[in-house]
Amino acid sequence: GPLEPLAALQMFLAQRADARTEIPTRNGAPNLSLIAKLCGFSRDYFYKNPEAKELLDRHMESRTSGHQARALP
């Protein structure tokens, strides 16, 4: 069956990181509508599930810090 939205998002972010591909943004912020569409869930998911938004924000921060170091838990 389809992936859980959070798992789909994690996979999407991991693939982008591996490919050194930027996350789609709009006005400097992550384009939630497009990301949700690419991951196969509704944009509302980000608002109802703060952990998904947090995951995305952490990913964006790690990208803009200019290095690919793995964050420690």
N, C-alpha and C. Protein backbone atom coordinates (compact mmCIF):
# COMPACT_ATOMS: atom_id res chain seq x y z
N GLY A 1 0.83 -1.22 0.00
CA GLY A 1 0.00 0.00 0.00
C GLY A 1 0.86 1.25 0.00
N PRO A 2 0.21 2.39 -0.01
CA PRO A 2 0.97 3.64 -0.02
C PRO A 2 1.72 3.83 1.30
N LEU A 3 2.81 4.55 1.23
CA LEU A 3 3.60 4.83 2.43
C LEU A 3 2.83 5.75 3.36
N GLU A 4 3.13 5.62 4.65
CA GLU A 4 2.64 6.60 5.61
C GLU A 4 3.22 7.95 5.18
N PRO A 5 2.44 9.02 5.35
CA PRO A 5 2.94 10.33 4.92
C PRO A 5 4.31 10.70 5.50
N LEU A 6 4.52 10.42 6.78
CA LEU A 6 5.81 10.78 7.38
C LEU A 6 6.95 9.99 6.75
N ALA A 7 6.71 8.71 6.49
CA ALA A 7 7.73 7.87 5.84
C ALA A 7 7.99 8.36 4.42
N ALA A 8 6.93 8.74 3.73
CA ALA A 8 7.08 9.26 2.36
C ALA A 8 7.91 10.54 2.37
N LEU A 9 7.65 11.39 3.35
CA LEU A 9 8.39 12.64 3.47
C LEU A 9 9.86 12.37 3.78
N GLN A 10 10.12 11.44 4.70
CA GLN A 10 11.50 11.10 5.05
C GLN A 10 12.26 10.58 3.84
N MET A 11 11.59 9.75 3.06
CA MET A 11 12.21 9.19 1.87
C MET A 11 12.50 10.29 0.85
N PHE A 12 11.53 11.17 0.67
CA PHE A 12 11.67 12.29 -0.26
C PHE A 12 12.88 13.15 0.12
N LEU A 13 12.98 13.48 1.41
CA LEU A 13 14.09 14.32 1.88
C LEU A 13 15.42 13.60 1.73
N ALA A 14 15.44 12.30 2.03
CA ALA A 14 16.67 11.53 1.91
C ALA A 14 17.13 11.47 0.45
N GLN A 15 16.19 11.27 -0.46
CA GLN A 15 16.54 11.22 -1.89
C GLN A 15 17.08 12.56 -2.35
N ARG A 16 16.45 13.64 -1.89
CA ARG A 16 16.92 14.98 -2.26
C ARG A 16 18.33 15.22 -1.73
N ALA A 17 18.57 14.80 -0.50
CA ALA A 17 19.89 14.99 0.11
C ALA A 17 20.95 14.20 -0.65
N ASP A 18 20.63 12.95 -0.99
CA ASP A 18 21.58 12.10 -1.73
C ASP A 18 21.91 12.71 -3.08
N ALA A 19 20.90 13.23 -3.74
CA ALA A 19 21.10 13.77 -5.08
C ALA A 19 21.58 15.22 -5.03
N ARG A 20 21.74 15.77 -3.80
CA ARG A 20 22.12 17.17 -3.64
C ARG A 20 21.13 18.07 -4.38
N THR A 21 19.88 17.66 -4.38
CA THR A 21 18.83 18.40 -5.07
C THR A 21 18.11 19.28 -4.07
N GLU A 22 17.85 20.50 -4.48
CA GLU A 22 17.17 21.42 -3.56
C GLU A 22 15.71 21.01 -3.36
N ILE A 23 15.19 21.36 -2.21
CA ILE A 23 13.77 21.19 -1.90
C ILE A 23 13.03 22.34 -2.59
N PRO A 24 11.87 22.07 -3.20
CA PRO A 24 11.14 23.18 -3.83
C PRO A 24 10.75 24.25 -2.80
N THR A 25 11.03 25.50 -3.13
CA THR A 25 10.68 26.58 -2.22
C THR A 25 9.83 27.62 -2.94
N ARG A 26 9.20 28.45 -2.15
CA ARG A 26 8.42 29.55 -2.67
C ARG A 26 8.63 30.72 -1.73
N ASN A 27 9.10 31.83 -2.26
CA ASN A 27 9.42 33.00 -1.44
C ASN A 27 10.36 32.63 -0.30
N GLY A 28 11.32 31.76 -0.57
CA GLY A 28 12.33 31.41 0.42
C GLY A 28 11.92 30.37 1.45
N ALA A 29 10.65 29.98 1.45
CA ALA A 29 10.18 28.96 2.39
C ALA A 29 9.85 27.69 1.63
N PRO A 30 9.88 26.54 2.30
CA PRO A 30 9.52 25.30 1.60
C PRO A 30 8.12 25.41 0.99
N ASN A 31 7.99 24.95 -0.24
CA ASN A 31 6.70 24.97 -0.92
C ASN A 31 5.90 23.74 -0.46
N LEU A 32 5.13 23.93 0.61
CA LEU A 32 4.43 22.81 1.24
C LEU A 32 3.47 22.11 0.29
N SER A 33 2.76 22.90 -0.53
CA SER A 33 1.79 22.30 -1.46
C SER A 33 2.49 21.34 -2.41
N LEU A 34 3.59 21.80 -2.99
CA LEU A 34 4.30 20.99 -3.97
C LEU A 34 4.97 19.79 -3.32
N ILE A 35 5.57 20.00 -2.16
CA ILE A 35 6.22 18.89 -1.45
C ILE A 35 5.19 17.82 -1.10
N ALA A 36 4.04 18.26 -0.58
CA ALA A 36 2.98 17.32 -0.22
C ALA A 36 2.52 16.55 -1.45
N LYS A 37 2.36 17.27 -2.56
CA LYS A 37 1.92 16.63 -3.81
C LYS A 37 2.93 15.58 -4.27
N LEU A 38 4.21 15.93 -4.23
CA LEU A 38 5.26 15.00 -4.65
C LEU A 38 5.33 13.78 -3.74
N CYS A 39 4.97 13.98 -2.47
CA CYS A 39 5.01 12.87 -1.50
C CYS A 39 3.70 12.09 -1.47
N GLY A 40 2.67 12.60 -2.12
CA GLY A 40 1.40 11.88 -2.19
C GLY A 40 0.47 12.08 -1.00
N PHE A 41 0.59 13.24 -0.33
CA PHE A 41 -0.38 13.53 0.72
C PHE A 41 -0.84 14.98 0.62
N SER A 42 -1.79 15.35 1.45
CA SER A 42 -2.36 16.69 1.40
C SER A 42 -1.51 17.67 2.19
N ARG A 43 -1.51 18.92 1.75
CA ARG A 43 -0.74 19.96 2.43
C ARG A 43 -1.18 20.11 3.89
N ASP A 44 -2.44 19.81 4.16
CA ASP A 44 -2.98 19.89 5.53
C ASP A 44 -2.19 19.03 6.50
N TYR A 45 -1.59 17.96 5.96
CA TYR A 45 -0.84 17.05 6.81
C TYR A 45 0.23 17.79 7.61
N PHE A 46 0.87 18.78 6.97
CA PHE A 46 1.91 19.53 7.66
C PHE A 46 1.36 20.31 8.85
N TYR A 47 0.12 20.78 8.72
CA TYR A 47 -0.47 21.58 9.79
C TYR A 47 -1.00 20.70 10.92
N LYS A 48 -1.45 19.52 10.55
CA LYS A 48 -2.00 18.60 11.56
C LYS A 48 -0.92 17.77 12.23
N ASN A 49 0.25 17.71 11.62
CA ASN A 49 1.35 16.89 12.15
C ASN A 49 2.63 17.71 12.25
N PRO A 50 2.79 18.40 13.38
CA PRO A 50 3.95 19.27 13.54
C PRO A 50 5.28 18.55 13.34
N GLU A 51 5.30 17.24 13.61
CA GLU A 51 6.57 16.52 13.45
C GLU A 51 7.00 16.48 11.98
N ALA A 52 6.04 16.48 11.08
CA ALA A 52 6.36 16.49 9.64
C ALA A 52 6.99 17.84 9.27
N LYS A 53 6.39 18.91 9.76
CA LYS A 53 6.91 20.25 9.48
C LYS A 53 8.29 20.41 10.10
N GLU A 54 8.46 19.86 11.29
CA GLU A 54 9.74 19.94 12.00
C GLU A 54 10.83 19.20 11.23
N LEU A 55 10.48 18.03 10.71
CA LEU A 55 11.40 17.24 9.90
C LEU A 55 11.87 18.05 8.68
N LEU A 56 10.91 18.68 8.03
CA LEU A 56 11.21 19.48 6.85
C LEU A 56 12.08 20.68 7.23
N ASP A 57 11.71 21.35 8.32
CA ASP A 57 12.48 22.52 8.75
C ASP A 57 13.92 22.14 9.09
N ARG A 58 14.08 21.01 9.78
CA ARG A 58 15.43 20.55 10.13
C ARG A 58 16.24 20.28 8.87
N HIS A 59 15.59 19.66 7.89
CA HIS A 59 16.26 19.36 6.63
C HIS A 59 16.71 20.66 5.96
N MET A 60 15.82 21.65 5.93
CA MET A 60 16.14 22.92 5.30
C MET A 60 17.32 23.59 6.02
N GLU A 61 17.31 23.54 7.35
CA GLU A 61 18.40 24.14 8.12
C GLU A 61 19.72 23.48 7.83
N SER A 62 19.71 22.15 7.73
CA SER A 62 20.95 21.43 7.47
C SER A 62 21.48 21.75 6.07
N ARG A 63 20.57 22.04 5.14
CA ARG A 63 20.98 22.40 3.78
C ARG A 63 21.60 23.78 3.74
N THR A 64 21.00 24.72 4.49
CA THR A 64 21.46 26.10 4.37
C THR A 64 22.68 26.38 5.23
N SER A 65 23.01 25.46 6.14
CA SER A 65 24.20 25.67 6.96
C SER A 65 25.47 25.46 6.12
N GLY A 66 25.30 24.97 4.91
CA GLY A 66 26.41 24.91 3.97
C GLY A 66 27.29 23.69 4.09
N HIS A 67 26.96 22.78 4.98
CA HIS A 67 27.73 21.53 5.05
C HIS A 67 26.77 20.36 5.20
N GLN A 68 27.26 19.20 4.83
CA GLN A 68 26.40 18.01 4.79
C GLN A 68 26.61 17.15 6.03
N ALA A 69 27.10 17.75 7.11
CA ALA A 69 27.37 16.97 8.32
C ALA A 69 26.07 16.40 8.88
N ARG A 70 26.14 15.19 9.37
CA ARG A 70 24.98 14.58 10.00
C ARG A 70 24.78 15.20 11.38
N ALA A 71 23.58 15.60 11.66
CA ALA A 71 23.28 16.15 12.98
C ALA A 71 23.27 15.03 14.01
N LEU A 72 23.80 15.30 15.18
CA LEU A 72 23.76 14.31 16.25
C LEU A 72 22.36 14.29 16.86
N PRO A 73 21.95 13.14 17.37
CA PRO A 73 20.61 13.06 17.97
C PRO A 73 20.49 13.98 19.19
